[in-house]
Amino acid sequence: MTRRLWLTVLGVAIMVATASVARAQSDLRAWHADGQTWLVWTNDRAFAGLQTYDIYRSSQPIDELRRKIEVESLAFAFGAGVFGGMTYWLLVVMGTVSGTGFIYIFAAMVLIHSAGVIIGHRKYS
């Protein structure tokens, strides 16, 4: 069974992708100020060895990995991985910025998923 969690904050539609067993992250928020968009979420679960989050954009809901448009793969220096019960903040800069590669995702659909959870063309749950 697939499940989706959609939140809309300040015109930004954000989809949190989870594994087939519900592993949704909670408290996902976004806001835009001074030409920057902030995405904030709390990891409810620890993912052993996870070092990245991938961010995607689309003008319509994304239900399969092959339909994605990757904006950025974020390599976090969390040492042992991403930990549950911690809040992570992601600054998204409007336009292309050297070293980050974020491109125009405000007011578009932004997908955040844990790279270690969704593999291949599995539908988001």
C-alpha atoms as a PDB file:
ATOM      1  CA  MET A   1       0.000   0.000   0.000  1.00  0.00           C
ATOM      2  CA  THR A   2       1.377   3.397  -0.906  1.00  0.00           C
ATOM      3  CA  ARG A   3       0.921   6.465   1.227  1.00  0.00           C
ATOM      4  CA  ARG A   4       1.723  10.079   0.522  1.00  0.00           C
ATOM      5  CA  LEU A   5       2.050  13.036   2.823  1.00  0.00           C
ATOM      6  CA  TRP A   6       1.537  16.428   1.211  1.00  0.00           C
ATOM      7  CA  LEU A   7       2.012  19.697   3.028  1.00  0.00           C
ATOM      8  CA  THR A   8       1.506  23.112   1.503  1.00  0.00           C
ATOM      9  CA  VAL A   9       3.182  26.052   3.173  1.00  0.00           C
ATOM     10  CA  LEU A  10       3.436  29.491   1.562  1.00  0.00           C
ATOM     11  CA  GLY A  11       2.571  28.059  -1.832  1.00  0.00           C
ATOM     12  CA  VAL A  12       5.245  25.349  -1.743  1.00  0.00           C
ATOM     13  CA  ALA A  13       3.879  21.836  -2.147  1.00  0.00           C
ATOM     14  CA  ILE A  14       6.203  19.348  -0.492  1.00  0.00           C
ATOM     15  CA  MET A  15       5.955  15.593  -0.713  1.00  0.00           C
ATOM     16  CA  VAL A  16       7.676  13.472   1.878  1.00  0.00           C
ATOM     17  CA  ALA A  17       8.493  10.065   0.490  1.00  0.00           C
ATOM     18  CA  THR A  18       8.623   7.139   2.842  1.00  0.00           C
ATOM     19  CA  ALA A  19       9.372   3.432   2.633  1.00  0.00           C
ATOM     20  CA  SER A  20       6.660   0.815   2.039  1.00  0.00           C
ATOM     21  CA  VAL A  21       6.323   0.581   5.794  1.00  0.00           C
ATOM     22  CA  ALA A  22       5.221   4.043   6.850  1.00  0.00           C
ATOM     23  CA  ARG A  23       8.341   5.989   7.786  1.00  0.00           C
ATOM     24  CA  ALA A  24       7.152   9.519   7.187  1.00  0.00           C
ATOM     25  CA  GLN A  25       9.180  12.353   8.601  1.00  0.00           C
ATOM     26  CA  SER A  26       7.193  14.798  10.653  1.00  0.00           C
ATOM     27  CA  ASP A  27       6.862  18.497  11.100  1.00  0.00           C
ATOM     28  CA  LEU A  28       7.897  19.401   7.546  1.00  0.00           C
ATOM     29  CA  ARG A  29       7.643  23.164   7.034  1.00  0.00           C
ATOM     30  CA  ALA A  30       8.744  25.670   4.412  1.00  0.00           C
ATOM     31  CA  TRP A  31       8.845  29.423   4.190  1.00  0.00           C
ATOM     32  CA  HIS A  32      10.256  32.027   1.849  1.00  0.00           C
ATOM     33  CA  ALA A  33      12.036  35.201   2.925  1.00  0.00           C
ATOM     34  CA  ASP A  34      14.635  37.505   1.396  1.00  0.00           C
ATOM     35  CA  GLY A  35      14.952  35.467  -1.799  1.00  0.00           C
ATOM     36  CA  GLN A  36      15.534  32.184   0.028  1.00  0.00           C
ATOM     37  CA  THR A  37      13.329  29.215   0.835  1.00  0.00           C
ATOM     38  CA  TRP A  38      13.840  27.253   4.040  1.00  0.00           C
ATOM     39  CA  LEU A  39      12.772  23.611   4.378  1.00  0.00           C
ATOM     40  CA  VAL A  40      12.694  22.230   7.905  1.00  0.00           C
ATOM     41  CA  TRP A  41      11.806  18.717   9.010  1.00  0.00           C
ATOM     42  CA  THR A  42      12.381  16.327  11.884  1.00  0.00           C
ATOM     43  CA  ASN A  43      13.634  12.811  11.305  1.00  0.00           C
ATOM     44  CA  ASP A  44      11.361  10.437  13.193  1.00  0.00           C
ATOM     45  CA  ARG A  45      13.492   7.434  12.369  1.00  0.00           C
ATOM     46  CA  ALA A  46      17.203   6.820  12.182  1.00  0.00           C
ATOM     47  CA  PHE A  47      18.527   5.504   8.875  1.00  0.00           C
ATOM     48  CA  ALA A  48      21.721   3.547   9.374  1.00  0.00           C
ATOM     49  CA  GLY A  49      24.458   4.810   7.117  1.00  0.00           C
ATOM     50  CA  LEU A  50      22.291   7.406   5.381  1.00  0.00           C
ATOM     51  CA  GLN A  51      24.374  10.366   4.302  1.00  0.00           C
ATOM     52  CA  THR A  52      22.232  12.161   1.721  1.00  0.00           C
ATOM     53  CA  TYR A  53      18.811  13.560   0.976  1.00  0.00           C
ATOM     54  CA  ASP A  54      17.760  14.077  -2.635  1.00  0.00           C
ATOM     55  CA  ILE A  55      15.527  16.986  -3.583  1.00  0.00           C
ATOM     56  CA  TYR A  56      13.335  16.938  -6.674  1.00  0.00           C
ATOM     57  CA  ARG A  57      10.980  19.367  -8.343  1.00  0.00           C
ATOM     58  CA  SER A  58       7.956  18.956 -10.578  1.00  0.00           C
ATOM     59  CA  SER A  59       4.992  20.954 -11.821  1.00  0.00           C
ATOM     60  CA  GLN A  60       2.702  18.042 -10.880  1.00  0.00           C
ATOM     61  CA  PRO A  61       2.662  15.298  -8.234  1.00  0.00           C
ATOM     62  CA  ILE A  62       5.549  12.840  -8.537  1.00  0.00           C
ATOM     63  CA  ASP A  63       4.504   9.225  -8.031  1.00  0.00           C
ATOM     64  CA  GLU A  64       7.424   7.356  -9.583  1.00  0.00           C
ATOM     65  CA  LEU A  65      11.142   7.912  -9.242  1.00  0.00           C
ATOM     66  CA  ARG A  66      11.676   7.914 -13.019  1.00  0.00           C
ATOM     67  CA  ARG A  67       9.481  11.022 -13.367  1.00  0.00           C
ATOM     68  CA  LYS A  68      11.658  13.097 -11.117  1.00  0.00           C
ATOM     69  CA  ILE A  69      13.719  16.143 -11.922  1.00  0.00           C
ATOM     70  CA  GLU A  70      16.626  16.141  -9.543  1.00  0.00           C
ATOM     71  CA  VAL A  71      17.539  19.511  -8.140  1.00  0.00           C
ATOM     72  CA  GLU A  72      20.236  18.468  -5.714  1.00  0.00           C
ATOM     73  CA  SER A  73      21.626  15.499  -3.860  1.00  0.00           C
ATOM     74  CA  LEU A  74      22.711  16.734  -0.476  1.00  0.00           C
ATOM     75  CA  ALA A  75      25.689  15.092   1.167  1.00  0.00           C
ATOM     76  CA  PHE A  76      25.479  15.870   4.848  1.00  0.00           C
ATOM     77  CA  ALA A  77      28.480  15.537   7.127  1.00  0.00           C
ATOM     78  CA  PHE A  78      26.593  13.770   9.881  1.00  0.00           C
ATOM     79  CA  GLY A  79      29.420  11.370  10.579  1.00  0.00           C
ATOM     80  CA  ALA A  80      27.545   8.162  11.373  1.00  0.00           C
ATOM     81  CA  GLY A  81      24.491   9.101   9.314  1.00  0.00           C
ATOM     82  CA  VAL A  82      21.167  10.829   9.752  1.00  0.00           C
ATOM     83  CA  PHE A  83      19.720  10.378  13.216  1.00  0.00           C
ATOM     84  CA  GLY A  84      16.110  10.030  14.310  1.00  0.00           C
ATOM     85  CA  GLY A  85      14.539  12.551  16.617  1.00  0.00           C
ATOM     86  CA  MET A  86      16.668  15.427  15.313  1.00  0.00           C
ATOM     87  CA  THR A  87      15.522  18.444  13.329  1.00  0.00           C
ATOM     88  CA  TYR A  88      17.351  19.253  10.094  1.00  0.00           C
ATOM     89  CA  TRP A  89      17.295  22.624   8.367  1.00  0.00           C
ATOM     90  CA  LEU A  90      17.873  23.063   4.661  1.00  0.00           C
ATOM     91  CA  LEU A  91      18.406  26.461   3.089  1.00  0.00           C
ATOM     92  CA  VAL A  92      17.277  26.583  -0.529  1.00  0.00           C
ATOM     93  CA  VAL A  93      18.642  29.557  -2.429  1.00  0.00           C
ATOM     94  CA  MET A  94      16.631  30.933  -5.336  1.00  0.00           C
ATOM     95  CA  GLY A  95      18.478  30.597  -8.614  1.00  0.00           C
ATOM     96  CA  THR A  96      21.689  28.728  -9.307  1.00  0.00           C
ATOM     97  CA  VAL A  97      24.355  29.332  -6.703  1.00  0.00           C
ATOM     98  CA  SER A  98      27.898  28.083  -7.068  1.00  0.00           C
ATOM     99  CA  GLY A  99      28.433  25.029  -4.905  1.00  0.00           C
ATOM    100  CA  THR A 100      24.770  24.285  -4.295  1.00  0.00           C
ATOM    101  CA  GLY A 101      23.045  23.991  -7.674  1.00  0.00           C
ATOM    102  CA  PHE A 102      19.556  24.757  -6.381  1.00  0.00           C
ATOM    103  CA  ILE A 103      17.339  26.051  -9.167  1.00  0.00           C
ATOM    104  CA  TYR A 104      13.980  27.789  -8.819  1.00  0.00           C
ATOM    105  CA  ILE A 105      12.093  25.432  -6.590  1.00  0.00           C
ATOM    106  CA  PHE A 106       9.976  27.927  -4.675  1.00  0.00           C
ATOM    107  CA  ALA A 107       6.323  27.730  -5.751  1.00  0.00           C
ATOM    108  CA  ALA A 108       7.051  24.376  -7.369  1.00  0.00           C
ATOM    109  CA  MET A 109       6.558  20.923  -5.948  1.00  0.00           C
ATOM    110  CA  VAL A 110       9.541  19.859  -3.922  1.00  0.00           C
ATOM    111  CA  LEU A 111      10.141  16.231  -3.104  1.00  0.00           C
ATOM    112  CA  ILE A 112      12.351  15.287  -0.199  1.00  0.00           C
ATOM    113  CA  HIS A 113      13.190  11.648   0.262  1.00  0.00           C
ATOM    114  CA  SER A 114      15.815   9.605   2.005  1.00  0.00           C
ATOM    115  CA  ALA A 115      18.117   8.138  -0.617  1.00  0.00           C
ATOM    116  CA  GLY A 116      18.619   4.966   1.405  1.00  0.00           C
ATOM    117  CA  VAL A 117      14.897   4.237   1.500  1.00  0.00           C
ATOM    118  CA  ILE A 118      13.630   4.604  -2.069  1.00  0.00           C
ATOM    119  CA  ILE A 119      15.489   2.685  -4.744  1.00  0.00           C
ATOM    120  CA  GLY A 120      14.721   2.085  -8.413  1.00  0.00           C
ATOM    121  CA  HIS A 121      11.268   2.925  -9.722  1.00  0.00           C
ATOM    122  CA  ARG A 122       9.321   2.011  -6.608  1.00  0.00           C
ATOM    123  CA  LYS A 123       6.288   4.194  -6.036  1.00  0.00           C
ATOM    124  CA  TYR A 124       6.533   6.586  -3.159  1.00  0.00           C
ATOM    125  CA  SER A 125       4.702   5.480  -0.055  1.00  0.00           C
END
